[in-house]
Amino acid sequence: VSMPDGTSAAFYRRQPEQFRDLLRRTVEIHQRLHREWPRLAQ
C-alpha cells in the first residue's frame, strides 16, 4: 500500500491473533468510554 504523499509504501499483512487482541481491547475501552462519559466530562 502506497502512502498518499507518494513518498513511500508499506507491506500490510493480516495478523489474525493481533486482530483479535486489538478487537477485544477496542470493545472494552469503548464500553468504558460510554459508561464513564458523564464523569470524564465533569
PDB file of all heavy atoms in Angstrom:
ATOM      1  N   VAL A   1       0.853  -1.185   0.000  1.00  0.00           N
ATOM      2  CA  VAL A   1       0.000   0.000   0.000  1.00  0.00           C
ATOM      3  C   VAL A   1       0.890   1.237   0.000  1.00  0.00           C
ATOM      4  O   VAL A   1       1.738   1.403   0.890  1.00  0.00           O
ATOM      5  CB  VAL A   1      -0.928   0.019   1.227  1.00  0.00           C
ATOM      6  CG1 VAL A   1      -1.788   1.274   1.216  1.00  0.00           C
ATOM      7  CG2 VAL A   1      -1.800  -1.232   1.255  1.00  0.00           C
ATOM      8  N   SER A   2       0.698   2.089  -0.986  1.00  0.00           N
ATOM      9  CA  SER A   2       1.486   3.319  -1.046  1.00  0.00           C
ATOM     10  C   SER A   2       0.863   4.392  -0.173  1.00  0.00           C
ATOM     11  O   SER A   2      -0.337   4.363   0.118  1.00  0.00           O
ATOM     12  CB  SER A   2       1.603   3.810  -2.490  1.00  0.00           C
ATOM     13  OG  SER A   2       0.330   4.017  -3.056  1.00  0.00           O
ATOM     14  N   MET A   3       1.678   5.357   0.250  1.00  0.00           N
ATOM     15  CA  MET A   3       1.217   6.440   1.102  1.00  0.00           C
ATOM     16  C   MET A   3       0.664   7.588   0.256  1.00  0.00           C
ATOM     17  O   MET A   3       1.113   7.805  -0.878  1.00  0.00           O
ATOM     18  CB  MET A   3       2.354   6.953   1.979  1.00  0.00           C
ATOM     19  CG  MET A   3       2.921   5.896   2.930  1.00  0.00           C
ATOM     20  SD  MET A   3       1.701   5.292   4.146  1.00  0.00           S
ATOM     21  CE  MET A   3       1.354   3.636   3.495  1.00  0.00           C
ATOM     22  N   PRO A   4      -0.299   8.352   0.771  1.00  0.00           N
ATOM     23  CA  PRO A   4      -0.940   9.411  -0.017  1.00  0.00           C
ATOM     24  C   PRO A   4       0.010  10.479  -0.529  1.00  0.00           C
ATOM     25  O   PRO A   4      -0.250  11.091  -1.558  1.00  0.00           O
ATOM     26  CB  PRO A   4      -1.953  10.009   0.967  1.00  0.00           C
ATOM     27  CG  PRO A   4      -2.257   8.895   1.908  1.00  0.00           C
ATOM     28  CD  PRO A   4      -0.971   8.150   2.063  1.00  0.00           C
ATOM     29  N   ASP A   5       1.106  10.741   0.184  1.00  0.00           N
ATOM     30  CA  ASP A   5       2.017  11.787  -0.278  1.00  0.00           C
ATOM     31  C   ASP A   5       2.985  11.300  -1.353  1.00  0.00           C
ATOM     32  O   ASP A   5       3.794  12.070  -1.871  1.00  0.00           O
ATOM     33  CB  ASP A   5       2.798  12.386   0.891  1.00  0.00           C
ATOM     34  CG  ASP A   5       3.671  11.358   1.612  1.00  0.00           C
ATOM     35  OD1 ASP A   5       3.709  10.186   1.188  1.00  0.00           O
ATOM     36  OD2 ASP A   5       4.307  11.733   2.608  1.00  0.00           O
ATOM     37  N   GLY A   6       2.908  10.021  -1.702  1.00  0.00           N
ATOM     38  CA  GLY A   6       3.713   9.487  -2.796  1.00  0.00           C
ATOM     39  C   GLY A   6       5.169   9.225  -2.476  1.00  0.00           C
ATOM     40  O   GLY A   6       5.956   8.906  -3.369  1.00  0.00           O
ATOM     41  N   THR A   7       5.550   9.303  -1.205  1.00  0.00           N
ATOM     42  CA  THR A   7       6.968   9.169  -0.855  1.00  0.00           C
ATOM     43  C   THR A   7       7.371   7.757  -0.460  1.00  0.00           C
ATOM     44  O   THR A   7       8.561   7.448  -0.423  1.00  0.00           O
ATOM     45  CB  THR A   7       7.312  10.106   0.318  1.00  0.00           C
ATOM     46  OG1 THR A   7       6.523   9.733   1.459  1.00  0.00           O
ATOM     47  CG2 THR A   7       7.026  11.554  -0.043  1.00  0.00           C
ATOM     48  N   SER A   8       6.404   6.879  -0.165  1.00  0.00           N
ATOM     49  CA  SER A   8       6.773   5.571   0.375  1.00  0.00           C
ATOM     50  C   SER A   8       5.599   4.613   0.287  1.00  0.00           C
ATOM     51  O   SER A   8       4.497   4.980  -0.139  1.00  0.00           O
ATOM     52  CB  SER A   8       7.227   5.705   1.842  1.00  0.00           C
ATOM     53  OG  SER A   8       6.210   6.312   2.607  1.00  0.00           O
ATOM     54  N   ALA A   9       5.866   3.367   0.714  1.00  0.00           N
ATOM     55  CA  ALA A   9       4.827   2.337   0.740  1.00  0.00           C
ATOM     56  C   ALA A   9       5.114   1.384   1.890  1.00  0.00           C
ATOM     57  O   ALA A   9       6.211   1.382   2.474  1.00  0.00           O
ATOM     58  CB  ALA A   9       4.783   1.583  -0.587  1.00  0.00           C
ATOM     59  N   ALA A  10       4.112   0.576   2.238  1.00  0.00           N
ATOM     60  CA  ALA A  10       4.255  -0.400   3.320  1.00  0.00           C
ATOM     61  C   ALA A  10       3.693  -1.739   2.866  1.00  0.00           C
ATOM     62  O   ALA A  10       2.831  -1.806   1.989  1.00  0.00           O
ATOM     63  CB  ALA A  10       3.535   0.083   4.570  1.00  0.00           C
ATOM     64  N   PHE A  11       4.183  -2.815   3.472  1.00  0.00           N
ATOM     65  CA  PHE A  11       3.746  -4.176   3.173  1.00  0.00           C
ATOM     66  C   PHE A  11       2.787  -4.603   4.288  1.00  0.00           C
ATOM     67  O   PHE A  11       3.200  -5.015   5.366  1.00  0.00           O
ATOM     68  CB  PHE A  11       4.977  -5.086   3.116  1.00  0.00           C
ATOM     69  CG  PHE A  11       4.698  -6.508   2.680  1.00  0.00           C
ATOM     70  CD1 PHE A  11       3.424  -6.942   2.318  1.00  0.00           C
ATOM     71  CD2 PHE A  11       5.731  -7.442   2.612  1.00  0.00           C
ATOM     72  CE1 PHE A  11       3.178  -8.242   1.915  1.00  0.00           C
ATOM     73  CE2 PHE A  11       5.506  -8.755   2.207  1.00  0.00           C
ATOM     74  CZ  PHE A  11       4.222  -9.152   1.868  1.00  0.00           C
ATOM     75  N   TYR A  12       1.477  -4.448   4.041  1.00  0.00           N
ATOM     76  CA  TYR A  12       0.462  -4.835   5.010  1.00  0.00           C
ATOM     77  C   TYR A  12       0.333  -6.361   5.024  1.00  0.00           C
ATOM     78  O   TYR A  12       0.316  -7.002   3.980  1.00  0.00           O
ATOM     79  CB  TYR A  12      -0.907  -4.267   4.630  1.00  0.00           C
ATOM     80  CG  TYR A  12      -1.112  -2.782   4.845  1.00  0.00           C
ATOM     81  CD1 TYR A  12      -0.061  -1.901   5.042  1.00  0.00           C
ATOM     82  CD2 TYR A  12      -2.404  -2.258   4.848  1.00  0.00           C
ATOM     83  CE1 TYR A  12      -0.275  -0.550   5.223  1.00  0.00           C
ATOM     84  CE2 TYR A  12      -2.638  -0.907   5.033  1.00  0.00           C
ATOM     85  CZ  TYR A  12      -1.564  -0.052   5.217  1.00  0.00           C
ATOM     86  OH  TYR A  12      -1.788   1.282   5.398  1.00  0.00           O
ATOM     87  N   ARG A  13       0.210  -6.924   6.237  1.00  0.00           N
ATOM     88  CA  ARG A  13      -0.057  -8.351   6.383  1.00  0.00           C
ATOM     89  C   ARG A  13      -1.154  -8.561   7.419  1.00  0.00           C
ATOM     90  O   ARG A  13      -1.136  -7.935   8.482  1.00  0.00           O
ATOM     91  CB  ARG A  13       1.195  -9.111   6.841  1.00  0.00           C
ATOM     92  CG  ARG A  13       2.355  -9.107   5.861  1.00  0.00           C
ATOM     93  CD  ARG A  13       3.515  -9.892   6.468  1.00  0.00           C
ATOM     94  NE  ARG A  13       4.696  -9.946   5.630  1.00  0.00           N
ATOM     95  CZ  ARG A  13       5.668  -9.034   5.637  1.00  0.00           C
ATOM     96  NH1 ARG A  13       5.574  -7.991   6.453  1.00  0.00           N
ATOM     97  NH2 ARG A  13       6.722  -9.160   4.850  1.00  0.00           N
ATOM     98  N   ARG A  14      -2.071  -9.421   7.110  1.00  0.00           N
ATOM     99  CA  ARG A  14      -3.135  -9.746   8.054  1.00  0.00           C
ATOM    100  C   ARG A  14      -2.586 -10.635   9.161  1.00  0.00           C
ATOM    101  O   ARG A  14      -1.923 -11.645   8.902  1.00  0.00           O
ATOM    102  CB  ARG A  14      -4.293 -10.436   7.328  1.00  0.00           C
ATOM    103  CG  ARG A  14      -5.501 -10.683   8.229  1.00  0.00           C
ATOM    104  CD  ARG A  14      -6.730 -11.064   7.430  1.00  0.00           C
ATOM    105  NE  ARG A  14      -6.618 -12.381   6.815  1.00  0.00           N
ATOM    106  CZ  ARG A  14      -6.909 -13.526   7.435  1.00  0.00           C
ATOM    107  NH1 ARG A  14      -7.311 -13.516   8.700  1.00  0.00           N
ATOM    108  NH2 ARG A  14      -6.807 -14.678   6.796  1.00  0.00           N
ATOM    109  N   GLN A  15      -2.863 -10.241  10.402  1.00  0.00           N
ATOM    110  CA  GLN A  15      -2.387 -10.970  11.581  1.00  0.00           C
ATOM    111  C   GLN A  15      -3.599 -11.335  12.445  1.00  0.00           C
ATOM    112  O   GLN A  15      -4.049 -10.536  13.274  1.00  0.00           O
ATOM    113  CB  GLN A  15      -1.405 -10.104  12.388  1.00  0.00           C
ATOM    114  CG  GLN A  15      -0.265  -9.508  11.594  1.00  0.00           C
ATOM    115  CD  GLN A  15       0.772 -10.544  11.201  1.00  0.00           C
ATOM    116  OE1 GLN A  15       0.678 -11.716  11.597  1.00  0.00           O
ATOM    117  NE2 GLN A  15       1.768 -10.142  10.426  1.00  0.00           N
ATOM    118  N   PRO A  16      -4.173 -12.532  12.282  1.00  0.00           N
ATOM    119  CA  PRO A  16      -5.409 -12.885  12.995  1.00  0.00           C
ATOM    120  C   PRO A  16      -5.319 -12.756  14.514  1.00  0.00           C
ATOM    121  O   PRO A  16      -6.256 -12.255  15.151  1.00  0.00           O
ATOM    122  CB  PRO A  16      -5.658 -14.331  12.570  1.00  0.00           C
ATOM    123  CG  PRO A  16      -5.004 -14.430  11.222  1.00  0.00           C
ATOM    124  CD  PRO A  16      -3.786 -13.583  11.311  1.00  0.00           C
ATOM    125  N   GLU A  17      -4.220 -13.186  15.118  1.00  0.00           N
ATOM    126  CA  GLU A  17      -4.115 -13.104  16.578  1.00  0.00           C
ATOM    127  C   GLU A  17      -4.052 -11.654  17.042  1.00  0.00           C
ATOM    128  O   GLU A  17      -4.676 -11.275  18.043  1.00  0.00           O
ATOM    129  CB  GLU A  17      -2.882 -13.870  17.060  1.00  0.00           C
ATOM    130  CG  GLU A  17      -3.020 -15.384  16.937  1.00  0.00           C
ATOM    131  CD  GLU A  17      -1.848 -16.108  17.565  1.00  0.00           C
ATOM    132  OE1 GLU A  17      -1.030 -15.433  18.251  1.00  0.00           O
ATOM    133  OE2 GLU A  17      -1.745 -17.336  17.366  1.00  0.00           O
ATOM    134  N   GLN A  18      -3.295 -10.858  16.313  1.00  0.00           N
ATOM    135  CA  GLN A  18      -3.207  -9.439  16.646  1.00  0.00           C
ATOM    136  C   GLN A  18      -4.575  -8.764  16.488  1.00  0.00           C
ATOM    137  O   GLN A  18      -4.973  -7.929  17.305  1.00  0.00           O
ATOM    138  CB  GLN A  18      -2.168  -8.770  15.736  1.00  0.00           C
ATOM    139  CG  GLN A  18      -1.707  -7.408  16.217  1.00  0.00           C
ATOM    140  CD  GLN A  18      -0.508  -6.925  15.421  1.00  0.00           C
ATOM    141  OE1 GLN A  18      -0.342  -7.236  14.245  1.00  0.00           O
ATOM    142  NE2 GLN A  18       0.357  -6.150  16.062  1.00  0.00           N
ATOM    143  N   PHE A  19      -5.277  -9.150  15.447  1.00  0.00           N
ATOM    144  CA  PHE A  19      -6.616  -8.619  15.218  1.00  0.00           C
ATOM    145  C   PHE A  19      -7.513  -8.891  16.424  1.00  0.00           C
ATOM    146  O   PHE A  19      -8.197  -7.989  16.925  1.00  0.00           O
ATOM    147  CB  PHE A  19      -7.210  -9.245  13.952  1.00  0.00           C
ATOM    148  CG  PHE A  19      -8.656  -8.899  13.716  1.00  0.00           C
ATOM    149  CD1 PHE A  19      -9.011  -7.828  12.910  1.00  0.00           C
ATOM    150  CD2 PHE A  19      -9.675  -9.649  14.306  1.00  0.00           C
ATOM    151  CE1 PHE A  19     -10.344  -7.499  12.709  1.00  0.00           C
ATOM    152  CE2 PHE A  19     -11.012  -9.325  14.107  1.00  0.00           C
ATOM    153  CZ  PHE A  19     -11.343  -8.243  13.301  1.00  0.00           C
ATOM    154  N   ARG A  20      -7.516 -10.122  16.886  1.00  0.00           N
ATOM    155  CA  ARG A  20      -8.431 -10.490  17.964  1.00  0.00           C
ATOM    156  C   ARG A  20      -8.079  -9.771  19.269  1.00  0.00           C
ATOM    157  O   ARG A  20      -8.963  -9.350  20.023  1.00  0.00           O
ATOM    158  CB  ARG A  20      -8.433 -12.010  18.151  1.00  0.00           C
ATOM    159  CG  ARG A  20      -9.126 -12.735  17.004  1.00  0.00           C
ATOM    160  CD  ARG A  20      -9.355 -14.192  17.322  1.00  0.00           C
ATOM    161  NE  ARG A  20      -8.130 -14.986  17.260  1.00  0.00           N
ATOM    162  CZ  ARG A  20      -7.666 -15.574  16.162  1.00  0.00           C
ATOM    163  NH1 ARG A  20      -8.324 -15.450  15.020  1.00  0.00           N
ATOM    164  NH2 ARG A  20      -6.570 -16.298  16.188  1.00  0.00           N
ATOM    165  N   ASP A  21      -6.784  -9.616  19.535  1.00  0.00           N
ATOM    166  CA  ASP A  21      -6.369  -8.904  20.748  1.00  0.00           C
ATOM    167  C   ASP A  21      -6.766  -7.429  20.684  1.00  0.00           C
ATOM    168  O   ASP A  21      -7.316  -6.876  21.647  1.00  0.00           O
ATOM    169  CB  ASP A  21      -4.853  -9.019  20.925  1.00  0.00           C
ATOM    170  CG  ASP A  21      -4.363  -8.225  22.127  1.00  0.00           C
ATOM    171  OD1 ASP A  21      -4.761  -8.572  23.256  1.00  0.00           O
ATOM    172  OD2 ASP A  21      -3.606  -7.250  21.934  1.00  0.00           O
ATOM    173  N   LEU A  22      -6.507  -6.797  19.551  1.00  0.00           N
ATOM    174  CA  LEU A  22      -6.857  -5.383  19.404  1.00  0.00           C
ATOM    175  C   LEU A  22      -8.361  -5.174  19.411  1.00  0.00           C
ATOM    176  O   LEU A  22      -8.857  -4.183  19.952  1.00  0.00           O
ATOM    177  CB  LEU A  22      -6.249  -4.827  18.108  1.00  0.00           C
ATOM    178  CG  LEU A  22      -4.717  -4.683  18.088  1.00  0.00           C
ATOM    179  CD1 LEU A  22      -4.225  -4.356  16.684  1.00  0.00           C
ATOM    180  CD2 LEU A  22      -4.266  -3.607  19.077  1.00  0.00           C
ATOM    181  N   LEU A  23      -9.106  -6.118  18.847  1.00  0.00           N
ATOM    182  CA  LEU A  23     -10.559  -6.003  18.853  1.00  0.00           C
ATOM    183  C   LEU A  23     -11.102  -6.106  20.277  1.00  0.00           C
ATOM    184  O   LEU A  23     -12.005  -5.348  20.666  1.00  0.00           O
ATOM    185  CB  LEU A  23     -11.178  -7.086  17.966  1.00  0.00           C
ATOM    186  CG  LEU A  23     -12.711  -7.087  17.905  1.00  0.00           C
ATOM    187  CD1 LEU A  23     -13.238  -5.769  17.329  1.00  0.00           C
ATOM    188  CD2 LEU A  23     -13.209  -8.267  17.074  1.00  0.00           C
ATOM    189  N   ARG A  24     -10.561  -7.037  21.034  1.00  0.00           N
ATOM    190  CA  ARG A  24     -11.001  -7.186  22.427  1.00  0.00           C
ATOM    191  C   ARG A  24     -10.770  -5.890  23.200  1.00  0.00           C
ATOM    192  O   ARG A  24     -11.675  -5.399  23.912  1.00  0.00           O
ATOM    193  CB  ARG A  24     -10.241  -8.336  23.094  1.00  0.00           C
ATOM    194  CG  ARG A  24     -10.542  -8.499  24.589  1.00  0.00           C
ATOM    195  CD  ARG A  24      -9.635  -9.530  25.225  1.00  0.00           C
ATOM    196  NE  ARG A  24      -8.223  -9.217  25.043  1.00  0.00           N
ATOM    197  CZ  ARG A  24      -7.552  -8.310  25.762  1.00  0.00           C
ATOM    198  NH1 ARG A  24      -8.179  -7.620  26.715  1.00  0.00           N
ATOM    199  NH2 ARG A  24      -6.263  -8.095  25.542  1.00  0.00           N
ATOM    200  N   ARG A  25      -9.612  -5.314  23.066  1.00  0.00           N
ATOM    201  CA  ARG A  25      -9.292  -4.066  23.769  1.00  0.00           C
ATOM    202  C   ARG A  25     -10.161  -2.910  23.277  1.00  0.00           C
ATOM    203  O   ARG A  25     -10.561  -2.031  24.048  1.00  0.00           O
ATOM    204  CB  ARG A  25      -7.815  -3.740  23.606  1.00  0.00           C
ATOM    205  CG  ARG A  25      -6.894  -4.720  24.340  1.00  0.00           C
ATOM    206  CD  ARG A  25      -5.444  -4.547  23.902  1.00  0.00           C
ATOM    207  NE  ARG A  25      -4.971  -3.182  24.092  1.00  0.00           N
ATOM    208  CZ  ARG A  25      -3.933  -2.654  23.440  1.00  0.00           C
ATOM    209  NH1 ARG A  25      -3.281  -3.378  22.542  1.00  0.00           N
ATOM    210  NH2 ARG A  25      -3.571  -1.413  23.668  1.00  0.00           N
ATOM    211  N   THR A  26     -10.453  -2.921  21.971  1.00  0.00           N
ATOM    212  CA  THR A  26     -11.302  -1.876  21.399  1.00  0.00           C
ATOM    213  C   THR A  26     -12.705  -1.931  21.988  1.00  0.00           C
ATOM    214  O   THR A  26     -13.279  -0.904  22.367  1.00  0.00           O
ATOM    215  CB  THR A  26     -11.362  -2.026  19.862  1.00  0.00           C
ATOM    216  OG1 THR A  26     -10.079  -1.716  19.314  1.00  0.00           O
ATOM    217  CG2 THR A  26     -12.404  -1.111  19.253  1.00  0.00           C
ATOM    218  N   VAL A  27     -13.263  -3.131  22.092  1.00  0.00           N
ATOM    219  CA  VAL A  27     -14.599  -3.291  22.668  1.00  0.00           C
ATOM    220  C   VAL A  27     -14.605  -2.817  24.118  1.00  0.00           C
ATOM    221  O   VAL A  27     -15.491  -2.057  24.548  1.00  0.00           O
ATOM    222  CB  VAL A  27     -15.059  -4.760  22.573  1.00  0.00           C
ATOM    223  CG1 VAL A  27     -16.336  -4.968  23.381  1.00  0.00           C
ATOM    224  CG2 VAL A  27     -15.272  -5.160  21.118  1.00  0.00           C
ATOM    225  N   GLU A  28     -13.607  -3.241  24.880  1.00  0.00           N
ATOM    226  CA  GLU A  28     -13.568  -2.910  26.303  1.00  0.00           C
ATOM    227  C   GLU A  28     -13.477  -1.404  26.541  1.00  0.00           C
ATOM    228  O   GLU A  28     -14.207  -0.846  27.370  1.00  0.00           O
ATOM    229  CB  GLU A  28     -12.377  -3.614  26.970  1.00  0.00           C
ATOM    230  CG  GLU A  28     -12.553  -5.120  27.089  1.00  0.00           C
ATOM    231  CD  GLU A  28     -11.298  -5.801  27.609  1.00  0.00           C
ATOM    232  OE1 GLU A  28     -10.265  -5.093  27.775  1.00  0.00           O
ATOM    233  OE2 GLU A  28     -11.336  -7.026  27.841  1.00  0.00           O
ATOM    234  N   ILE A  29     -12.599  -0.733  25.805  1.00  0.00           N
ATOM    235  CA  ILE A  29     -12.379   0.689  26.093  1.00  0.00           C
ATOM    236  C   ILE A  29     -13.556   1.540  25.630  1.00  0.00           C
ATOM    237  O   ILE A  29     -13.889   2.556  26.244  1.00  0.00           O
ATOM    238  CB  ILE A  29     -11.051   1.183  25.482  1.00  0.00           C
ATOM    239  CG1 ILE A  29     -10.578   2.429  26.234  1.00  0.00           C
ATOM    240  CG2 ILE A  29     -11.171   1.461  23.984  1.00  0.00           C
ATOM    241  CD1 ILE A  29      -9.135   2.809  25.964  1.00  0.00           C
ATOM    242  N   HIS A  30     -14.231   1.121  24.568  1.00  0.00           N
ATOM    243  CA  HIS A  30     -15.382   1.902  24.113  1.00  0.00           C
ATOM    244  C   HIS A  30     -16.599   1.689  25.022  1.00  0.00           C
ATOM    245  O   HIS A  30     -17.388   2.623  25.235  1.00  0.00           O
ATOM    246  CB  HIS A  30     -15.700   1.583  22.651  1.00  0.00           C
ATOM    247  CG  HIS A  30     -14.752   2.234  21.691  1.00  0.00           C
ATOM    248  ND1 HIS A  30     -13.538   1.678  21.347  1.00  0.00           N
ATOM    249  CD2 HIS A  30     -14.830   3.418  21.028  1.00  0.00           C
ATOM    250  CE1 HIS A  30     -12.921   2.485  20.510  1.00  0.00           C
ATOM    251  NE2 HIS A  30     -13.667   3.544  20.299  1.00  0.00           N
ATOM    252  N   GLN A  31     -16.731   0.497  25.561  1.00  0.00           N
ATOM    253  CA  GLN A  31     -17.781   0.290  26.563  1.00  0.00           C
ATOM    254  C   GLN A  31     -17.521   1.161  27.792  1.00  0.00           C
ATOM    255  O   GLN A  31     -18.440   1.784  28.334  1.00  0.00           O
ATOM    256  CB  GLN A  31     -17.829  -1.185  26.969  1.00  0.00           C
ATOM    257  CG  GLN A  31     -18.416  -2.099  25.905  1.00  0.00           C
ATOM    258  CD  GLN A  31     -18.372  -3.558  26.313  1.00  0.00           C
ATOM    259  OE1 GLN A  31     -17.529  -3.967  27.128  1.00  0.00           O
ATOM    260  NE2 GLN A  31     -19.267  -4.362  25.749  1.00  0.00           N
ATOM    261  N   ARG A  32     -16.275   1.227  28.180  1.00  0.00           N
ATOM    262  CA  ARG A  32     -15.903   2.051  29.331  1.00  0.00           C
ATOM    263  C   ARG A  32     -16.129   3.538  29.046  1.00  0.00           C
ATOM    264  O   ARG A  32     -16.595   4.287  29.904  1.00  0.00           O
ATOM    265  CB  ARG A  32     -14.442   1.789  29.693  1.00  0.00           C
ATOM    266  CG  ARG A  32     -13.975   2.509  30.937  1.00  0.00           C
ATOM    267  CD  ARG A  32     -12.489   2.296  31.187  1.00  0.00           C
ATOM    268  NE  ARG A  32     -12.014   3.120  32.279  1.00  0.00           N
ATOM    269  CZ  ARG A  32     -10.731   3.361  32.518  1.00  0.00           C
ATOM    270  NH1 ARG A  32      -9.781   2.818  31.743  1.00  0.00           N
ATOM    271  NH2 ARG A  32     -10.375   4.144  33.532  1.00  0.00           N
ATOM    272  N   LEU A  33     -15.791   3.959  27.830  1.00  0.00           N
ATOM    273  CA  LEU A  33     -15.989   5.359  27.438  1.00  0.00           C
ATOM    274  C   LEU A  33     -17.452   5.767  27.563  1.00  0.00           C
ATOM    275  O   LEU A  33     -17.779   6.825  28.117  1.00  0.00           O
ATOM    276  CB  LEU A  33     -15.529   5.570  25.993  1.00  0.00           C
ATOM    277  CG  LEU A  33     -14.180   6.238  25.743  1.00  0.00           C
ATOM    278  CD1 LEU A  33     -13.911   6.298  24.256  1.00  0.00           C
ATOM    279  CD2 LEU A  33     -14.132   7.633  26.355  1.00  0.00           C
ATOM    280  N   HIS A  34     -18.324   4.938  27.031  1.00  0.00           N
ATOM    281  CA  HIS A  34     -19.753   5.247  27.094  1.00  0.00           C
ATOM    282  C   HIS A  34     -20.230   5.302  28.546  1.00  0.00           C
ATOM    283  O   HIS A  34     -20.999   6.191  28.936  1.00  0.00           O
ATOM    284  CB  HIS A  34     -20.552   4.206  26.319  1.00  0.00           C
ATOM    285  CG  HIS A  34     -22.019   4.486  26.283  1.00  0.00           C
ATOM    286  ND1 HIS A  34     -22.902   3.995  27.230  1.00  0.00           N
ATOM    287  CD2 HIS A  34     -22.769   5.227  25.439  1.00  0.00           C
ATOM    288  CE1 HIS A  34     -24.115   4.417  26.956  1.00  0.00           C
ATOM    289  NE2 HIS A  34     -24.076   5.164  25.868  1.00  0.00           N
ATOM    290  N   ARG A  35     -19.738   4.386  29.323  1.00  0.00           N
ATOM    291  CA  ARG A  35     -20.173   4.279  30.717  1.00  0.00           C
ATOM    292  C   ARG A  35     -19.680   5.475  31.549  1.00  0.00           C
ATOM    293  O   ARG A  35     -20.418   6.001  32.391  1.00  0.00           O
ATOM    294  CB  ARG A  35     -19.653   2.965  31.298  1.00  0.00           C
ATOM    295  CG  ARG A  35     -20.153   2.631  32.695  1.00  0.00           C
ATOM    296  CD  ARG A  35     -19.761   1.215  33.086  1.00  0.00           C
ATOM    297  NE  ARG A  35     -18.324   0.997  33.116  1.00  0.00           N
ATOM    298  CZ  ARG A  35     -17.651   0.237  32.239  1.00  0.00           C
ATOM    299  NH1 ARG A  35     -18.302  -0.391  31.261  1.00  0.00           N
ATOM    300  NH2 ARG A  35     -16.339   0.087  32.330  1.00  0.00           N
ATOM    301  N   GLU A  36     -18.432   5.894  31.304  1.00  0.00           N
ATOM    302  CA  GLU A  36     -17.828   6.910  32.163  1.00  0.00           C
ATOM    303  C   GLU A  36     -17.843   8.311  31.559  1.00  0.00           C
ATOM    304  O   GLU A  36     -17.248   9.238  32.129  1.00  0.00           O
ATOM    305  CB  GLU A  36     -16.385   6.498  32.493  1.00  0.00           C
ATOM    306  CG  GLU A  36     -16.290   5.199  33.273  1.00  0.00           C
ATOM    307  CD  GLU A  36     -14.879   4.931  33.772  1.00  0.00           C
ATOM    308  OE1 GLU A  36     -14.153   5.915  34.050  1.00  0.00           O
ATOM    309  OE2 GLU A  36     -14.503   3.750  33.874  1.00  0.00           O
ATOM    310  N   TRP A  37     -18.508   8.479  30.430  1.00  0.00           N
ATOM    311  CA  TRP A  37     -18.502   9.795  29.777  1.00  0.00           C
ATOM    312  C   TRP A  37     -18.951  10.926  30.714  1.00  0.00           C
ATOM    313  O   TRP A  37     -18.260  11.963  30.801  1.00  0.00           O
ATOM    314  CB  TRP A  37     -19.379   9.764  28.528  1.00  0.00           C
ATOM    315  CG  TRP A  37     -19.290  11.037  27.722  1.00  0.00           C
ATOM    316  CD1 TRP A  37     -19.941  12.211  27.963  1.00  0.00           C
ATOM    317  CD2 TRP A  37     -18.470  11.265  26.579  1.00  0.00           C
ATOM    318  NE1 TRP A  37     -19.593  13.151  27.032  1.00  0.00           N
ATOM    319  CE2 TRP A  37     -18.695  12.605  26.167  1.00  0.00           C
ATOM    320  CE3 TRP A  37     -17.590  10.464  25.838  1.00  0.00           C
ATOM    321  CZ2 TRP A  37     -18.058  13.160  25.055  1.00  0.00           C
ATOM    322  CZ3 TRP A  37     -16.964  11.020  24.726  1.00  0.00           C
ATOM    323  CH2 TRP A  37     -17.193  12.344  24.346  1.00  0.00           C
ATOM    324  N   PRO A  38     -20.081  10.808  31.417  1.00  0.00           N
ATOM    325  CA  PRO A  38     -20.504  11.921  32.280  1.00  0.00           C
ATOM    326  C   PRO A  38     -19.454  12.304  33.324  1.00  0.00           C
ATOM    327  O   PRO A  38     -19.221  13.492  33.574  1.00  0.00           O
ATOM    328  CB  PRO A  38     -21.778  11.385  32.938  1.00  0.00           C
ATOM    329  CG  PRO A  38     -22.301  10.374  31.951  1.00  0.00           C
ATOM    330  CD  PRO A  38     -21.077   9.714  31.394  1.00  0.00           C
ATOM    331  N   ARG A  39     -18.801  11.302  33.907  1.00  0.00           N
ATOM    332  CA  ARG A  39     -17.770  11.603  34.911  1.00  0.00           C
ATOM    333  C   ARG A  39     -16.584  12.308  34.279  1.00  0.00           C
ATOM    334  O   ARG A  39     -16.061  13.306  34.821  1.00  0.00           O
ATOM    335  CB  ARG A  39     -17.297  10.300  35.579  1.00  0.00           C
ATOM    336  CG  ARG A  39     -16.170  10.518  36.606  1.00  0.00           C
ATOM    337  CD  ARG A  39     -15.538   9.214  37.048  1.00  0.00           C
ATOM    338  NE  ARG A  39     -14.823   8.528  35.983  1.00  0.00           N
ATOM    339  CZ  ARG A  39     -13.597   8.866  35.561  1.00  0.00           C
ATOM    340  NH1 ARG A  39     -12.970   9.907  36.086  1.00  0.00           N
ATOM    341  NH2 ARG A  39     -13.004   8.162  34.606  1.00  0.00           N
ATOM    342  N   LEU A  40     -16.129  11.801  33.116  1.00  0.00           N
ATOM    343  CA  LEU A  40     -14.980  12.406  32.440  1.00  0.00           C
ATOM    344  C   LEU A  40     -15.288  13.836  32.009  1.00  0.00           C
ATOM    345  O   LEU A  40     -14.443  14.731  32.137  1.00  0.00           O
ATOM    346  CB  LEU A  40     -14.591  11.565  31.229  1.00  0.00           C
ATOM    347  CG  LEU A  40     -13.868  10.252  31.511  1.00  0.00           C
ATOM    348  CD1 LEU A  40     -13.813   9.399  30.247  1.00  0.00           C
ATOM    349  CD2 LEU A  40     -12.456  10.511  32.037  1.00  0.00           C
ATOM    350  N   ALA A  41     -16.501  14.044  31.480  1.00  0.00           N
ATOM    351  CA  ALA A  41     -16.874  15.392  31.041  1.00  0.00           C
ATOM    352  C   ALA A  41     -16.826  16.365  32.215  1.00  0.00           C
ATOM    353  O   ALA A  41     -16.320  17.496  32.085  1.00  0.00           O
ATOM    354  CB  ALA A  41     -18.264  15.372  30.416  1.00  0.00           C
ATOM    355  N   GLN A  42     -17.318  15.951  33.344  1.00  0.00           N
ATOM    356  CA  GLN A  42     -17.297  16.804  34.534  1.00  0.00           C
ATOM    357  C   GLN A  42     -15.856  17.099  34.956  1.00  0.00           C
ATOM    358  O   GLN A  42     -15.522  18.237  35.329  1.00  0.00           O
ATOM    359  CB  GLN A  42     -18.060  16.125  35.666  1.00  0.00           C
ATOM    360  CG  GLN A  42     -18.191  16.981  36.916  1.00  0.00           C
ATOM    361  CD  GLN A  42     -19.012  16.299  37.997  1.00  0.00           C
ATOM    362  OE1 GLN A  42     -19.256  15.097  37.949  1.00  0.00           O
ATOM    363  NE2 GLN A  42     -19.448  17.065  38.991  1.00  0.00           N
TER     364      GLN A  42
END
